């Protein structure tokens, strides 16, 4: 049966301005218990300010915040941070250097010594740090310190966990494993999580829902699959990956491109459009040059390009082509090693079902 329980966290119409300039503008969110919602966007888009208002560190100018249906903040009501049942995790682990691991995790718990000890031991085991209680933070690696910070944030059983770039200070080799451990523990605890990041890969890996922010507003919300495959505009598509842009003019609901005519319904005659295609969906047709099989309707008409540059990136090669049709540069992603010489002419095709069509952005 579907989960009909009310959302753990409800943010409605949250707005905040500094010096008359809006930083957060009409942001609304609902996060269920055990759900991870990611506020994703570039620096300065308002995601950290949104987090600060949910935490109670900053007051909104408009809007409201509810946790488990209880109003904790609006323009007249303000519950202090320590009374919100909200946990906080930041890039700076902020562990107390003079306290042991066990004392750090127990900080902020009640006065019942036996209950504190049980909770500390339980959490250290869940973050794979059993036996680390007597150690001090300086004796731990960065990944171990992050797990202690997670255990400390979870110790008082917060209803909501707020995480602001918590993994950005970790070595790349450790980051994926630490993120997976953190996500597993948070899900087990049934904590509603709001994660702030500027890294699309992190959002795609961790989030149940992504809220893409730009200019203080949420421009698109949805599951990672939908956000990636149905971007609301060109900028949303470009935030998640490199893109190729093919410009044209719509006439009779068709736009001429190097790959043949594209259907562009809904655009007036003379409207300038941009057809967006990601590098991995630009395919090299090694059989063509007048000799290969006819293309499918899905692949469209092959177009000839001359290779300008090829770069090997480990899992894939990125290859830039100058198109004969109009001299534009398009980039294809080819799995494995593919490093032909500059000046090599090849035929390209595109997955029409993987293209996005938007009006030209000004």
Protein backbone atom coordinates (compact mmCIF):
# COMPACT_ATOMS: atom_id res chain seq x y z
CA UNK A 1 0.00 0.00 0.00
CA UNK A 2 1.23 3.56 -0.70
CA UNK A 3 2.59 5.58 2.19
CA UNK A 4 -0.16 8.01 3.23
CA UNK A 5 1.61 9.45 6.26
CA UNK A 6 2.03 13.25 6.25
CA UNK A 7 5.39 14.74 5.21
CA UNK A 8 7.97 15.05 7.95
CA UNK A 9 9.09 18.49 6.72
CA UNK A 10 6.93 21.04 4.90
CA UNK A 11 8.44 24.28 3.63
CA UNK A 12 5.93 26.71 2.10
CA UNK A 13 6.71 29.90 0.17
CA UNK A 14 10.02 30.56 1.93
CA UNK A 15 11.65 33.87 0.94
CA UNK A 16 14.66 35.83 2.17
CA UNK A 17 16.32 39.02 0.96
CA UNK A 18 19.54 40.74 2.00
CA UNK A 19 19.94 44.44 1.38
CA UNK A 20 16.81 44.42 -0.74
CA UNK A 21 18.17 41.71 -3.06
CA UNK A 22 16.18 38.43 -3.02
CA UNK A 23 18.36 35.42 -2.17
CA UNK A 24 15.59 32.85 -1.67
CA UNK A 25 12.33 33.43 -3.53
CA UNK A 26 9.15 31.44 -2.81
CA UNK A 27 10.77 28.04 -2.13
CA UNK A 28 8.42 25.17 -1.22
CA UNK A 29 9.37 21.59 -0.32
CA UNK A 30 7.88 18.47 1.23
CA UNK A 31 10.18 15.77 2.58
CA UNK A 32 8.90 12.47 3.96
CA UNK A 33 10.46 10.37 6.71
CA UNK A 34 13.37 8.40 5.24
CA UNK A 35 13.44 10.55 2.10
CA UNK A 36 16.49 12.43 0.81
CA UNK A 37 15.75 15.66 -1.02
CA UNK A 38 18.69 17.45 -2.59
CA UNK A 39 18.87 21.19 -3.11
CA UNK A 40 21.11 21.35 -6.17
CA UNK A 41 22.49 24.39 -7.91
CA UNK A 42 25.47 26.65 -8.48
CA UNK A 43 27.07 28.76 -5.78
CA UNK A 44 24.90 31.73 -4.82
CA UNK A 45 21.59 30.20 -5.93
CA UNK A 46 20.10 30.30 -2.40
CA UNK A 47 20.35 26.65 -1.37
CA UNK A 48 22.47 27.19 1.78
CA UNK A 49 20.30 30.13 2.85
CA UNK A 50 17.26 27.86 2.53
CA UNK A 51 18.99 25.31 4.75
CA UNK A 52 19.86 27.97 7.32
CA UNK A 53 16.21 29.03 7.56
CA UNK A 54 15.05 25.43 8.07
CA UNK A 55 17.73 25.06 10.77
CA UNK A 56 16.63 28.24 12.52
CA UNK A 57 19.95 30.00 12.03
CA UNK A 58 18.26 32.60 9.83
CA UNK A 59 14.69 33.95 9.81
CA UNK A 60 12.59 34.05 6.65
CA UNK A 61 10.96 37.24 5.43
CA UNK A 62 7.94 35.24 4.22
CA UNK A 63 6.73 31.66 4.28
CA UNK A 64 6.44 28.92 6.87
CA UNK A 65 8.19 25.73 8.05
CA UNK A 66 6.47 22.75 9.68
CA UNK A 67 7.98 19.59 11.15
CA UNK A 68 5.57 16.70 11.75
CA UNK A 69 2.73 19.14 11.20
CA UNK A 70 3.91 21.51 13.94
CA UNK A 71 4.48 25.11 12.91
CA UNK A 72 8.02 26.00 13.89
CA UNK A 73 8.50 29.19 11.90
CA UNK A 74 6.60 31.85 9.99
CA UNK A 75 6.58 35.65 10.07
CA UNK A 76 5.29 35.70 13.66
CA UNK A 77 6.38 32.32 15.09
CA UNK A 78 10.00 31.33 15.61
CA UNK A 79 11.16 28.15 17.31
CA UNK A 80 14.87 28.29 18.25
CA UNK A 81 17.23 25.81 16.55
CA UNK A 82 17.71 23.63 19.64
CA UNK A 83 13.96 23.03 19.91
CA UNK A 84 13.36 22.00 16.28
CA UNK A 85 14.59 18.37 16.38
CA UNK A 86 16.90 19.15 13.48
CA UNK A 87 20.37 17.65 13.00
CA UNK A 88 23.16 19.46 11.16
CA UNK A 89 26.12 18.20 9.15
CA UNK A 90 28.56 20.46 7.33
CA UNK A 91 31.74 20.24 5.29
CA UNK A 92 33.65 21.14 8.47
CA UNK A 93 32.99 18.16 10.76
CA UNK A 94 33.33 20.51 13.77
CA UNK A 95 34.33 17.74 16.18
CA UNK A 96 35.56 18.83 19.58
CA UNK A 97 39.32 18.07 19.54
CA UNK A 98 39.61 17.75 23.32
CA UNK A 99 36.81 15.17 23.57
CA UNK A 100 37.01 11.49 22.69
CA UNK A 101 34.95 9.99 19.90
CA UNK A 102 32.44 8.66 22.43
CA UNK A 103 32.20 12.05 24.16
CA UNK A 104 31.68 13.78 20.82
CA UNK A 105 28.83 11.43 19.89
CA UNK A 106 27.26 11.77 23.36
CA UNK A 107 27.41 15.57 23.31
CA UNK A 108 23.88 16.96 23.61
CA UNK A 109 22.29 13.73 24.85
CA UNK A 110 20.39 13.54 28.13
CA UNK A 111 21.76 12.98 31.61
CA UNK A 112 21.02 9.24 31.83
CA UNK A 113 24.55 7.84 31.64
CA UNK A 114 23.55 4.27 30.79
CA UNK A 115 21.18 5.44 28.02
CA UNK A 116 23.89 7.70 26.63
CA UNK A 117 26.40 4.87 26.52
CA UNK A 118 23.95 2.52 24.80
CA UNK A 119 23.15 5.11 22.14
CA UNK A 120 26.83 5.90 21.52
CA UNK A 121 27.74 2.21 21.17
CA UNK A 122 24.77 1.60 18.87
CA UNK A 123 25.69 4.46 16.54
CA UNK A 124 29.41 3.72 16.45
CA UNK A 125 28.57 0.17 15.43
CA UNK A 126 26.21 1.39 12.71
CA UNK A 127 28.88 3.65 11.21
CA UNK A 128 31.49 0.87 11.43
CA UNK A 129 33.52 2.49 14.21
CA UNK A 130 33.04 0.03 17.04
CA UNK A 131 35.95 0.29 19.47
CA UNK A 132 36.84 3.84 18.40
CA UNK A 133 35.15 5.46 21.41
CA UNK A 134 38.37 6.20 23.41
CA UNK A 135 40.18 7.78 20.46
CA UNK A 136 40.42 11.51 19.78
CA UNK A 137 39.55 13.20 16.44
CA UNK A 138 43.20 13.84 15.51
CA UNK A 139 43.79 10.09 15.54
CA UNK A 140 41.16 9.51 12.82
CA UNK A 141 41.19 9.79 9.05
CA UNK A 142 38.94 12.26 7.27
CA UNK A 143 36.45 9.53 6.44
CA UNK A 144 36.38 8.33 10.04
CA UNK A 145 35.84 11.88 11.31
CA UNK A 146 32.92 12.27 8.91
CA UNK A 147 31.31 9.11 10.27
CA UNK A 148 31.76 10.37 13.84
CA UNK A 149 30.09 13.63 12.80
CA UNK A 150 27.19 11.61 11.36
CA UNK A 151 26.85 9.58 14.56
CA UNK A 152 26.88 12.75 16.67
CA UNK A 153 24.22 14.40 14.47
CA UNK A 154 22.00 11.31 14.71
CA UNK A 155 22.50 10.69 18.44
CA UNK A 156 19.52 12.80 19.66
CA UNK A 157 17.28 11.20 16.99
CA UNK A 158 16.47 14.33 14.98
CA UNK A 159 13.34 14.29 12.87
CA UNK A 160 15.12 16.18 10.08
CA UNK A 161 18.79 16.11 9.02
CA UNK A 162 20.24 19.09 7.18
CA UNK A 163 23.49 18.46 5.28
CA UNK A 164 25.47 21.26 3.63
CA UNK A 165 28.20 19.91 1.29
CA UNK A 166 29.17 17.32 3.94
CA UNK A 167 31.38 15.22 1.67
CA UNK A 168 33.26 17.87 -0.29
CA UNK A 169 36.29 17.74 2.01
CA UNK A 170 36.83 14.01 1.51
CA UNK A 171 39.28 12.34 -0.82
CA UNK A 172 37.58 11.16 -4.02
CA UNK A 173 38.56 7.55 -3.29
CA UNK A 174 36.70 7.63 0.04
CA UNK A 175 33.72 9.76 -0.93
CA UNK A 176 31.50 7.16 -2.58
CA UNK A 177 31.82 4.66 0.25
CA UNK A 178 31.20 7.29 2.94
CA UNK A 179 28.16 8.61 1.09
CA UNK A 180 26.71 5.12 0.80
CA UNK A 181 27.26 4.44 4.51
CA UNK A 182 25.70 7.77 5.46
CA UNK A 183 22.67 7.19 3.23
CA UNK A 184 22.12 3.69 4.62
CA UNK A 185 22.20 4.87 8.24
CA UNK A 186 19.89 7.84 7.57
CA UNK A 187 17.38 5.59 5.81
CA UNK A 188 17.46 3.09 8.69
CA UNK A 189 16.82 5.90 11.18
CA UNK A 190 13.84 7.13 9.13
CA UNK A 191 15.25 10.65 9.11
CA UNK A 192 13.99 13.20 6.59
CA UNK A 193 17.09 14.60 4.88
CA UNK A 194 17.71 17.85 3.03
CA UNK A 195 21.10 17.74 1.33
CA UNK A 196 22.75 20.79 -0.25
CA UNK A 197 25.29 20.25 -3.00
CA UNK A 198 26.54 21.84 -6.22
CA UNK A 199 27.63 18.46 -7.61
CA UNK A 200 25.08 16.79 -9.93
CA UNK A 201 26.73 13.36 -9.52
CA UNK A 202 26.28 13.52 -5.75
CA UNK A 203 22.64 14.55 -6.11
CA UNK A 204 21.96 11.75 -8.60
CA UNK A 205 23.66 9.21 -6.33
CA UNK A 206 21.99 10.14 -3.05
CA UNK A 207 18.67 11.87 -3.66
CA UNK A 208 15.16 10.46 -3.90
CA UNK A 209 14.13 13.89 -5.17
CA UNK A 210 16.17 16.75 -6.62
CA UNK A 211 15.13 20.39 -6.35
CA UNK A 212 17.16 22.29 -8.94
CA UNK A 213 17.69 25.91 -7.85
CA UNK A 214 18.64 28.97 -9.83
CA UNK A 215 18.48 32.62 -8.80
CA UNK A 216 16.86 31.82 -5.45
CA UNK A 217 14.02 29.77 -6.94
CA UNK A 218 13.35 26.11 -7.53
CA UNK A 219 13.15 25.78 -11.32
CA UNK A 220 12.48 22.02 -11.41
CA UNK A 221 11.69 19.24 -8.93
CA UNK A 222 11.54 15.52 -9.45
CA UNK A 223 13.20 12.13 -9.22
CA UNK A 224 16.80 12.08 -10.52
CA UNK A 225 15.82 10.07 -13.61
CA UNK A 226 13.13 12.57 -14.58
CA UNK A 227 15.26 15.64 -13.89
CA UNK A 228 18.06 14.26 -16.06
CA UNK A 229 15.92 12.97 -18.92
CA UNK A 230 13.25 15.69 -18.98
CA UNK A 231 15.08 18.96 -18.23
CA UNK A 232 12.88 22.01 -18.02
CA UNK A 233 15.23 24.15 -20.10
CA UNK A 234 18.68 24.31 -21.69
CA UNK A 235 20.39 25.44 -18.48
CA UNK A 236 18.89 22.50 -16.56
CA UNK A 237 20.20 20.06 -19.17
CA UNK A 238 23.64 21.68 -19.14
CA UNK A 239 23.90 21.54 -15.34
CA UNK A 240 23.98 17.73 -15.39
CA UNK A 241 26.34 17.13 -18.30
CA UNK A 242 28.09 18.62 -21.31
CA UNK A 243 25.69 19.36 -24.14
CA UNK A 244 25.77 20.02 -27.86
CA UNK A 245 23.57 22.83 -29.13
CA UNK A 246 22.21 22.87 -32.68
CA UNK A 247 20.47 26.12 -33.61
CA UNK A 248 17.84 26.48 -36.27
CA UNK A 249 14.63 28.19 -37.33
CA UNK A 250 11.27 26.48 -37.09
CA UNK A 251 9.18 26.61 -40.27
CA UNK A 252 6.02 24.61 -40.63
CA UNK A 253 6.81 22.78 -37.36
CA UNK A 254 10.12 21.60 -38.85
CA UNK A 255 13.70 22.78 -38.22
CA UNK A 256 16.53 22.06 -40.63
CA UNK A 257 19.72 20.65 -39.04
CA UNK A 258 22.87 18.82 -40.20
CA UNK A 259 20.96 15.63 -39.36
CA UNK A 260 17.88 16.39 -41.42
CA UNK A 261 14.62 18.06 -40.54
CA UNK A 262 13.50 17.91 -36.89
CA UNK A 263 9.92 18.09 -35.75
CA UNK A 264 9.50 21.25 -33.66
CA UNK A 265 5.75 21.46 -32.98
CA UNK A 266 4.47 24.31 -30.89
CA UNK A 267 6.91 26.87 -32.33
CA UNK A 268 5.71 29.66 -34.59
CA UNK A 269 7.15 30.04 -38.08
CA UNK A 270 10.43 31.94 -37.83
CA UNK A 271 10.98 31.05 -34.18
CA UNK A 272 14.61 30.35 -33.32
CA UNK A 273 15.08 27.05 -31.50
CA UNK A 274 17.92 25.13 -29.89
CA UNK A 275 18.12 21.35 -30.20
CA UNK A 276 20.10 19.89 -27.31
CA UNK A 277 21.94 16.57 -27.52
CA UNK A 278 24.33 15.11 -24.96
CA UNK A 279 27.73 13.82 -26.20
CA UNK A 280 26.91 10.20 -25.34
CA UNK A 281 23.94 10.31 -27.71
CA UNK A 282 25.97 11.53 -30.67
CA UNK A 283 27.02 8.34 -32.47
CA UNK A 284 29.78 7.69 -35.00
CA UNK A 285 28.60 5.64 -37.98
CA UNK A 286 31.70 3.70 -39.03
CA UNK A 287 29.82 1.94 -41.86
CA UNK A 288 28.80 5.02 -43.79
CA UNK A 289 30.39 7.27 -46.31
CA UNK A 290 27.87 6.19 -48.91
CA UNK A 291 28.45 2.49 -48.30
CA UNK A 292 26.62 1.62 -45.10
CA UNK A 293 22.99 0.71 -44.42
CA UNK A 294 20.25 3.30 -44.49
CA UNK A 295 19.76 4.98 -41.11
CA UNK A 296 16.68 4.34 -39.02
CA UNK A 297 14.14 7.09 -38.49
CA UNK A 298 15.25 7.25 -34.86
CA UNK A 299 18.86 7.96 -35.83
CA UNK A 300 17.97 10.51 -38.50
CA UNK A 301 20.17 11.50 -41.42
CA UNK A 302 23.94 10.99 -41.00
CA UNK A 303 26.05 14.14 -41.20
CA UNK A 304 29.73 14.41 -42.04
CA UNK A 305 32.21 16.00 -39.67
CA UNK A 306 35.98 16.45 -39.58
CA UNK A 307 37.74 15.50 -36.36
CA UNK A 308 39.38 18.43 -34.57
CA UNK A 309 40.54 16.91 -31.28
CA UNK A 310 40.28 13.64 -29.33
CA UNK A 311 40.90 13.21 -25.59
CA UNK A 312 41.04 9.96 -23.63
CA UNK A 313 39.46 10.27 -20.15
CA UNK A 314 39.79 6.71 -18.88
CA UNK A 315 36.31 5.27 -19.34
CA UNK A 316 35.62 7.20 -22.51
CA UNK A 317 37.06 9.40 -25.23
CA UNK A 318 35.71 12.85 -26.07
CA UNK A 319 35.95 13.67 -29.76
CA UNK A 320 35.28 17.12 -31.27
CA UNK A 321 34.04 17.41 -34.86
CA UNK A 322 33.60 20.40 -37.16
CA UNK A 323 30.43 19.76 -39.14
CA UNK A 324 30.46 20.18 -42.91
CA UNK A 325 26.88 21.48 -42.86
CA UNK A 326 27.52 24.74 -41.03
CA UNK A 327 30.99 24.66 -39.48
CA UNK A 328 29.67 24.15 -35.95
CA UNK A 329 31.60 22.06 -33.40
CA UNK A 330 29.90 19.00 -31.90
CA UNK A 331 31.36 16.65 -29.28
CA UNK A 332 30.81 12.91 -29.17
CA UNK A 333 31.51 10.60 -26.23
CA UNK A 334 32.91 7.21 -27.30
CA UNK A 335 33.36 4.37 -24.76
CA UNK A 336 36.95 3.24 -24.27
CA UNK A 337 39.90 4.39 -26.37
CA UNK A 338 39.14 6.22 -29.62
CA UNK A 339 41.89 8.60 -30.72
CA UNK A 340 41.85 9.08 -34.50
CA UNK A 341 44.07 11.73 -36.05
CA UNK A 342 42.83 15.30 -36.49
CA UNK A 343 41.50 15.82 -40.00
CA UNK A 344 39.82 12.41 -40.13
CA UNK A 345 36.35 12.67 -41.70
CA UNK A 346 33.59 10.57 -40.12
CA UNK A 347 29.81 10.34 -40.30
CA UNK A 348 27.72 11.09 -37.24
CA UNK A 349 24.16 10.29 -36.21
CA UNK A 350 22.05 11.40 -33.28
CA UNK A 351 19.36 9.75 -31.19
CA UNK A 352 16.33 11.88 -31.99
CA UNK A 353 14.48 10.46 -28.99
CA UNK A 354 17.28 11.76 -26.76
CA UNK A 355 17.15 15.35 -28.02
CA UNK A 356 15.50 18.28 -26.25
CA UNK A 357 14.07 21.27 -28.11
CA UNK A 358 13.86 24.69 -26.43
CA UNK A 359 13.40 28.27 -27.59
CA UNK A 360 16.68 30.13 -28.02
CA UNK A 361 17.78 31.48 -24.64
CA UNK A 362 18.67 35.17 -24.58
